[in-house]
Amino acid sequence: MAQHGHGHHGHGGQMTPEQQRQMIEQELRLAKNLGQIKHKIIVMSGKGGVGKSTVAANIAETLQSLGYKTGILDADIHGPNIPKMLGVEMLEEQFNQYQFETFKEITESAMANETFNSEEEQAEFIKSKQEEYRHSMFPVVLPSGLKVMSMAFLIDSIDRPIIWRGPQKTGAIKQLISDAHWGSLDYLIIDNPPGTGDEPLTVLQTIPDADAVIMVTTPNVVSQEDVLKCVKMVELMNIHNIGLIENMAYYVCPHCGEKLHIFGKGNGELFAEEMEIEYLGDLPIEEKVSDAPNQDSVISTLDPDDAVSKRFVEIVKDIQDKFIKD
């Protein structure tokens, strides 16, 4: 099972033969693990605080509820919030125990299909499995069946800040992507950190065959300006399947039913048109959505009949119609 070390390659771009070998092995693991995933969708935003992780988590749970085998990768090194949103309270010690138990289940299941003539043969078989999964990190499986992998599982305290420079961050993200043993998936949702820095760039470079990149914005002009930079960055990476979701677009008054535009009336559809990307719709501000993590879940799972949950089903179907070619 994977060792959670995050070193970086020598100085001045010089790699030792051992580092070259490790890099080639990682590329092979990356190709093998990603090769079992039919569709990859990256969720991005220009700035923090626009509800990007909420959108990513709800898209993932919606896909899972529609019968698709789905995983979500939390690629945010400094603020990995996806586990908390999905009700997973697991730090390094518990995660290591989870890894051991999952490996044990896989090995015992494989052993049930084998016939051993001696204890030595059995020991050799177990040893071969240990070698096979030496670099693997098994994502946490939720009751819904959704698989989750996050940096949050690799730290020993909830209040531990991760203070890393660029090469350590990019190394960690690449390891999360290459070593997560997803198995066969229909969809992998990647929740990118906000902005155009090292982490989102690493994800885009590591997953160049992403089916779509979904931008999340609010009606705020500053948020939109930052999204514009993100769109340009993604286009520079030669990815042109880009969609826009306008989050927190309005609030429905519980007394009179009037739509109130708290952050101003942004025109997401026009904004998407100007950027020449697909518009995927808007989402309201709703207390039940922001309160959902306090109930260890997301609105799509807690209340599938809620108006926002239904909007997520529409958005997922729109993503499939516009970007997914089976």
Foldseek 3Di string as FASTA:
>chain_A
DADQDQDFADPPPDHDPVRVVVVVVLLVLLCVQVVLEAAEEEEEFLAPDLCRLLLLQLLQLLCLVVPFQEEEEELDQFDRCNQLAQQHDAAQVRQVVVQVVVLVVVLVVVVVPDDDPDVVRSVVSSVVSCVVLVNAREFDADPSRYGYDYNRHYHDDPPDGDDDDQSSSLSSSSSSSSRHRSGHGHYYYYYFHYRDDRRVVSVCVSCVPHLEYEYEAELAPVRLVSVLVVQVNSVVSVDQQYEYEHEQQFAQPPPPRDTHRPNDHHDQCVSCVVSVYHYLYYYHDDPCQVCSSVVNRGCLVVPCPDPRVVSSNSSSVVCCVRGNDD
